[in-house]
């Protein structure tokens, strides 16, 4: 699959081109494994973004999906919002990532 243009951090330069297939292909191209739990986090973040037109900070996201913040860090093995937003075709999170 040909991926749409991405910026230096791997985010889509045009988030309107995102599809679930592109999100998964981006992760695969980066060597990042997305299991169903991670994919569910991505879809939940997209739903929040559609409602609020902004990417929630990790604390608010964890609360919104009823997940412990430490557990999110364990699952993602990094600051969770960066890969969640990147592979979800969302804007880069601001503040702590």
N, C-alpha and C. Protein backbone atom coordinates (compact mmCIF):
# COMPACT_ATOMS: atom_id res chain seq x y z
N UNK A 1 0.85 -1.19 0.00
CA UNK A 1 0.00 0.00 0.00
C UNK A 1 0.88 1.24 0.00
N UNK A 2 0.56 2.17 -0.87
CA UNK A 2 1.26 3.46 -0.88
C UNK A 2 0.67 4.32 0.23
N UNK A 3 1.55 4.79 1.11
CA UNK A 3 1.09 5.64 2.20
C UNK A 3 1.02 7.09 1.75
N UNK A 4 0.04 7.83 2.26
CA UNK A 4 0.00 9.27 1.97
C UNK A 4 1.24 9.95 2.57
N UNK A 5 1.48 11.18 2.15
CA UNK A 5 2.64 11.92 2.64
C UNK A 5 2.57 12.10 4.15
N UNK A 6 3.75 11.91 4.78
CA UNK A 6 3.84 12.08 6.24
C UNK A 6 4.93 13.10 6.55
N UNK A 7 4.80 13.76 7.69
CA UNK A 7 5.81 14.73 8.09
C UNK A 7 7.00 14.03 8.74
N UNK A 8 7.96 14.80 9.23
CA UNK A 8 9.18 14.24 9.81
C UNK A 8 8.94 13.36 11.02
N UNK A 9 7.80 13.55 11.70
CA UNK A 9 7.48 12.74 12.87
C UNK A 9 6.59 11.54 12.51
N UNK A 10 6.25 11.41 11.23
CA UNK A 10 5.45 10.28 10.79
C UNK A 10 3.95 10.52 10.78
N UNK A 11 3.54 11.75 11.06
CA UNK A 11 2.12 12.08 11.03
C UNK A 11 1.68 12.39 9.60
N UNK A 12 0.43 12.08 9.29
CA UNK A 12 -0.11 12.43 7.97
C UNK A 12 -0.08 13.94 7.80
N UNK A 13 0.35 14.40 6.62
CA UNK A 13 0.30 15.84 6.37
C UNK A 13 -1.13 16.28 6.06
N UNK A 14 -1.99 15.34 5.63
CA UNK A 14 -3.40 15.64 5.41
C UNK A 14 -4.21 14.59 6.17
N UNK A 15 -4.72 14.95 7.34
CA UNK A 15 -5.41 13.97 8.17
C UNK A 15 -6.72 13.49 7.55
N UNK A 16 -7.24 14.19 6.54
CA UNK A 16 -8.46 13.75 5.87
C UNK A 16 -8.25 12.49 5.03
N UNK A 17 -7.00 12.13 4.79
CA UNK A 17 -6.70 10.93 4.00
C UNK A 17 -6.70 9.66 4.86
N UNK A 18 -6.85 9.81 6.18
CA UNK A 18 -6.77 8.65 7.08
C UNK A 18 -7.92 7.68 6.84
N UNK A 19 -7.57 6.40 6.84
CA UNK A 19 -8.54 5.31 6.89
C UNK A 19 -7.97 4.30 7.86
N UNK A 20 -8.78 3.39 8.38
CA UNK A 20 -8.23 2.35 9.25
C UNK A 20 -7.09 1.58 8.58
N UNK A 21 -7.22 1.32 7.28
CA UNK A 21 -6.18 0.58 6.57
C UNK A 21 -4.87 1.37 6.53
N UNK A 22 -4.98 2.68 6.31
CA UNK A 22 -3.78 3.53 6.29
C UNK A 22 -3.16 3.58 7.67
N UNK A 23 -3.97 3.70 8.71
CA UNK A 23 -3.45 3.71 10.09
C UNK A 23 -2.65 2.45 10.39
N UNK A 24 -3.20 1.32 10.01
CA UNK A 24 -2.51 0.04 10.25
C UNK A 24 -1.25 -0.07 9.40
N UNK A 25 -1.32 0.40 8.14
CA UNK A 25 -0.15 0.34 7.25
C UNK A 25 0.96 1.26 7.75
N UNK A 26 0.60 2.42 8.31
CA UNK A 26 1.60 3.33 8.87
C UNK A 26 2.33 2.66 10.03
N UNK A 27 1.57 2.03 10.91
CA UNK A 27 2.17 1.35 12.05
C UNK A 27 3.09 0.23 11.57
N UNK A 28 2.64 -0.53 10.59
CA UNK A 28 3.45 -1.62 10.05
C UNK A 28 4.74 -1.08 9.44
N UNK A 29 4.63 0.02 8.69
CA UNK A 29 5.81 0.63 8.07
C UNK A 29 6.81 1.10 9.13
N UNK A 30 6.29 1.49 10.30
CA UNK A 30 7.16 1.95 11.39
C UNK A 30 7.63 0.80 12.28
N UNK A 31 7.19 -0.42 11.97
CA UNK A 31 7.56 -1.56 12.81
C UNK A 31 6.85 -1.55 14.16
N UNK A 32 5.67 -0.95 14.20
CA UNK A 32 4.91 -0.81 15.44
C UNK A 32 3.70 -1.74 15.38
N UNK A 33 3.60 -2.62 16.35
CA UNK A 33 2.52 -3.60 16.34
C UNK A 33 1.27 -3.04 17.01
N UNK A 34 0.15 -3.09 16.30
CA UNK A 34 -1.13 -2.65 16.85
C UNK A 34 -2.01 -3.87 17.12
N UNK A 35 -2.23 -4.17 18.40
CA UNK A 35 -3.17 -5.24 18.72
C UNK A 35 -4.56 -4.63 18.88
N UNK A 36 -5.53 -5.45 19.21
CA UNK A 36 -6.91 -4.94 19.30
C UNK A 36 -7.08 -3.92 20.41
N UNK A 37 -6.38 -4.08 21.52
CA UNK A 37 -6.47 -3.12 22.63
C UNK A 37 -5.97 -1.75 22.16
N UNK A 38 -4.81 -1.73 21.50
CA UNK A 38 -4.26 -0.46 21.00
C UNK A 38 -5.17 0.13 19.94
N UNK A 39 -5.68 -0.71 19.06
CA UNK A 39 -6.57 -0.20 18.00
C UNK A 39 -7.82 0.41 18.62
N UNK A 40 -8.34 -0.21 19.67
CA UNK A 40 -9.50 0.33 20.36
C UNK A 40 -9.20 1.71 20.96
N UNK A 41 -8.01 1.89 21.53
CA UNK A 41 -7.60 3.19 22.05
C UNK A 41 -7.60 4.24 20.93
N UNK A 42 -7.08 3.85 19.77
CA UNK A 42 -7.03 4.76 18.62
C UNK A 42 -8.44 5.19 18.22
N UNK A 43 -9.35 4.23 18.13
CA UNK A 43 -10.73 4.56 17.73
C UNK A 43 -11.43 5.43 18.78
N UNK A 44 -11.13 5.17 20.05
CA UNK A 44 -11.72 6.00 21.11
C UNK A 44 -11.17 7.43 21.04
N UNK A 45 -9.88 7.58 20.76
CA UNK A 45 -9.29 8.91 20.65
C UNK A 45 -9.89 9.66 19.46
N UNK A 46 -10.13 8.94 18.36
CA UNK A 46 -10.76 9.58 17.19
C UNK A 46 -12.17 10.06 17.53
N UNK A 47 -12.92 9.27 18.28
CA UNK A 47 -14.28 9.66 18.67
C UNK A 47 -14.25 10.91 19.55
N UNK A 48 -13.32 10.96 20.49
CA UNK A 48 -13.18 12.14 21.36
C UNK A 48 -12.80 13.35 20.52
N UNK A 49 -11.88 13.16 19.57
CA UNK A 49 -11.46 14.26 18.71
C UNK A 49 -12.65 14.79 17.89
N UNK A 50 -13.47 13.89 17.38
CA UNK A 50 -14.63 14.32 16.59
C UNK A 50 -15.60 15.15 17.43
N UNK A 51 -15.75 14.78 18.71
CA UNK A 51 -16.64 15.52 19.60
C UNK A 51 -16.06 16.88 20.00
N UNK A 52 -14.76 16.90 20.31
CA UNK A 52 -14.17 18.09 20.93
C UNK A 52 -13.24 18.88 20.01
N UNK A 53 -12.92 18.33 18.84
CA UNK A 53 -12.01 18.97 17.88
C UNK A 53 -10.64 19.26 18.47
N UNK A 54 -10.25 18.44 19.46
CA UNK A 54 -8.89 18.54 19.99
C UNK A 54 -8.48 17.19 20.54
N UNK A 55 -7.18 16.98 20.58
CA UNK A 55 -6.64 15.74 21.13
C UNK A 55 -6.58 15.90 22.65
N UNK A 56 -7.18 14.97 23.38
CA UNK A 56 -7.16 15.12 24.84
C UNK A 56 -5.78 14.82 25.42
N UNK A 57 -5.42 15.49 26.51
CA UNK A 57 -4.19 15.10 27.21
C UNK A 57 -4.37 13.71 27.81
N UNK A 58 -3.27 13.04 28.07
CA UNK A 58 -3.32 11.65 28.53
C UNK A 58 -4.21 11.48 29.75
N UNK A 59 -4.13 12.39 30.70
CA UNK A 59 -4.94 12.24 31.93
C UNK A 59 -6.43 12.23 31.59
N UNK A 60 -6.85 13.16 30.74
CA UNK A 60 -8.26 13.25 30.34
C UNK A 60 -8.66 12.05 29.50
N UNK A 61 -7.77 11.61 28.61
CA UNK A 61 -8.06 10.45 27.77
C UNK A 61 -8.24 9.20 28.62
N UNK A 62 -7.32 8.98 29.56
CA UNK A 62 -7.40 7.80 30.43
C UNK A 62 -8.73 7.79 31.19
N UNK A 63 -9.11 8.95 31.70
CA UNK A 63 -10.38 9.05 32.44
C UNK A 63 -11.57 8.79 31.52
N UNK A 64 -11.53 9.35 30.31
CA UNK A 64 -12.63 9.22 29.36
C UNK A 64 -12.88 7.76 28.96
N UNK A 65 -11.79 6.99 28.85
CA UNK A 65 -11.96 5.59 28.44
C UNK A 65 -11.93 4.64 29.64
N UNK A 66 -11.91 5.23 30.85
CA UNK A 66 -11.96 4.45 32.08
C UNK A 66 -10.77 3.48 32.18
N UNK A 67 -9.60 4.00 31.91
CA UNK A 67 -8.37 3.19 31.94
C UNK A 67 -7.36 3.89 32.85
N UNK A 68 -6.60 3.12 33.60
CA UNK A 68 -5.56 3.70 34.45
C UNK A 68 -4.44 4.25 33.57
N UNK A 69 -4.00 5.46 33.90
CA UNK A 69 -2.96 6.11 33.10
C UNK A 69 -1.68 5.27 33.05
N UNK A 70 -1.29 4.70 34.18
CA UNK A 70 -0.08 3.86 34.21
C UNK A 70 -0.23 2.64 33.30
N UNK A 71 -1.45 2.12 33.25
CA UNK A 71 -1.72 0.96 32.39
C UNK A 71 -1.56 1.35 30.92
N UNK A 72 -1.99 2.54 30.55
CA UNK A 72 -1.82 3.00 29.17
C UNK A 72 -0.34 3.09 28.81
N UNK A 73 0.48 3.61 29.73
CA UNK A 73 1.92 3.68 29.47
C UNK A 73 2.51 2.28 29.34
N UNK A 74 2.00 1.33 30.16
CA UNK A 74 2.51 -0.05 30.10
C UNK A 74 2.14 -0.68 28.75
N UNK A 75 0.90 -0.50 28.33
CA UNK A 75 0.42 -1.10 27.08
C UNK A 75 1.21 -0.55 25.89
N UNK A 76 1.41 0.76 25.86
CA UNK A 76 2.04 1.42 24.71
C UNK A 76 3.56 1.48 24.82
N UNK A 77 4.09 1.23 26.02
CA UNK A 77 5.54 1.24 26.29
C UNK A 77 6.19 2.58 25.91
N UNK A 78 5.40 3.64 25.95
CA UNK A 78 5.87 4.98 25.62
C UNK A 78 4.77 5.95 26.02
N UNK A 79 4.98 7.23 25.80
CA UNK A 79 3.88 8.17 25.98
C UNK A 79 2.77 7.78 25.01
N UNK A 80 1.62 7.36 25.51
CA UNK A 80 0.60 6.77 24.64
C UNK A 80 0.00 7.70 23.60
N UNK A 81 -0.11 8.98 23.88
CA UNK A 81 -0.85 9.86 22.97
C UNK A 81 -0.14 10.05 21.63
N UNK A 82 1.18 9.94 21.62
CA UNK A 82 1.88 10.13 20.34
C UNK A 82 1.53 9.03 19.33
N UNK A 83 1.72 7.74 19.67
CA UNK A 83 1.33 6.72 18.68
C UNK A 83 -0.18 6.66 18.45
N UNK A 84 -0.97 6.94 19.48
CA UNK A 84 -2.43 6.91 19.32
C UNK A 84 -2.84 7.95 18.28
N UNK A 85 -2.30 9.16 18.40
CA UNK A 85 -2.69 10.21 17.45
C UNK A 85 -2.06 9.99 16.08
N UNK A 86 -0.82 9.51 16.07
CA UNK A 86 -0.15 9.29 14.78
C UNK A 86 -0.89 8.26 13.94
N UNK A 87 -1.13 7.08 14.51
CA UNK A 87 -1.77 6.01 13.75
C UNK A 87 -3.27 6.18 13.64
N UNK A 88 -3.81 7.13 14.42
CA UNK A 88 -5.23 7.47 14.31
C UNK A 88 -5.50 8.61 13.35
N UNK A 89 -4.44 9.12 12.71
CA UNK A 89 -4.61 10.19 11.74
C UNK A 89 -5.07 11.50 12.37
N UNK A 90 -4.68 11.71 13.63
CA UNK A 90 -5.07 12.91 14.37
C UNK A 90 -3.89 13.88 14.44
N UNK A 91 -4.15 15.14 14.82
CA UNK A 91 -3.05 16.08 14.98
C UNK A 91 -2.11 15.68 16.12
N UNK A 92 -0.88 16.16 16.05
CA UNK A 92 0.07 15.89 17.13
C UNK A 92 -0.48 16.45 18.43
N UNK A 93 -0.31 15.70 19.52
CA UNK A 93 -0.76 16.23 20.80
C UNK A 93 0.14 17.39 21.23
N UNK A 94 -0.42 18.32 21.95
CA UNK A 94 0.37 19.42 22.47
C UNK A 94 0.69 19.14 23.94
N UNK A 95 1.68 19.83 24.45
CA UNK A 95 2.03 19.64 25.86
C UNK A 95 2.78 18.34 26.06
N UNK A 96 2.53 17.68 27.16
CA UNK A 96 3.24 16.46 27.52
C UNK A 96 2.84 15.32 26.59
N UNK A 97 3.85 14.71 25.96
CA UNK A 97 3.58 13.57 25.09
C UNK A 97 4.46 12.40 25.43
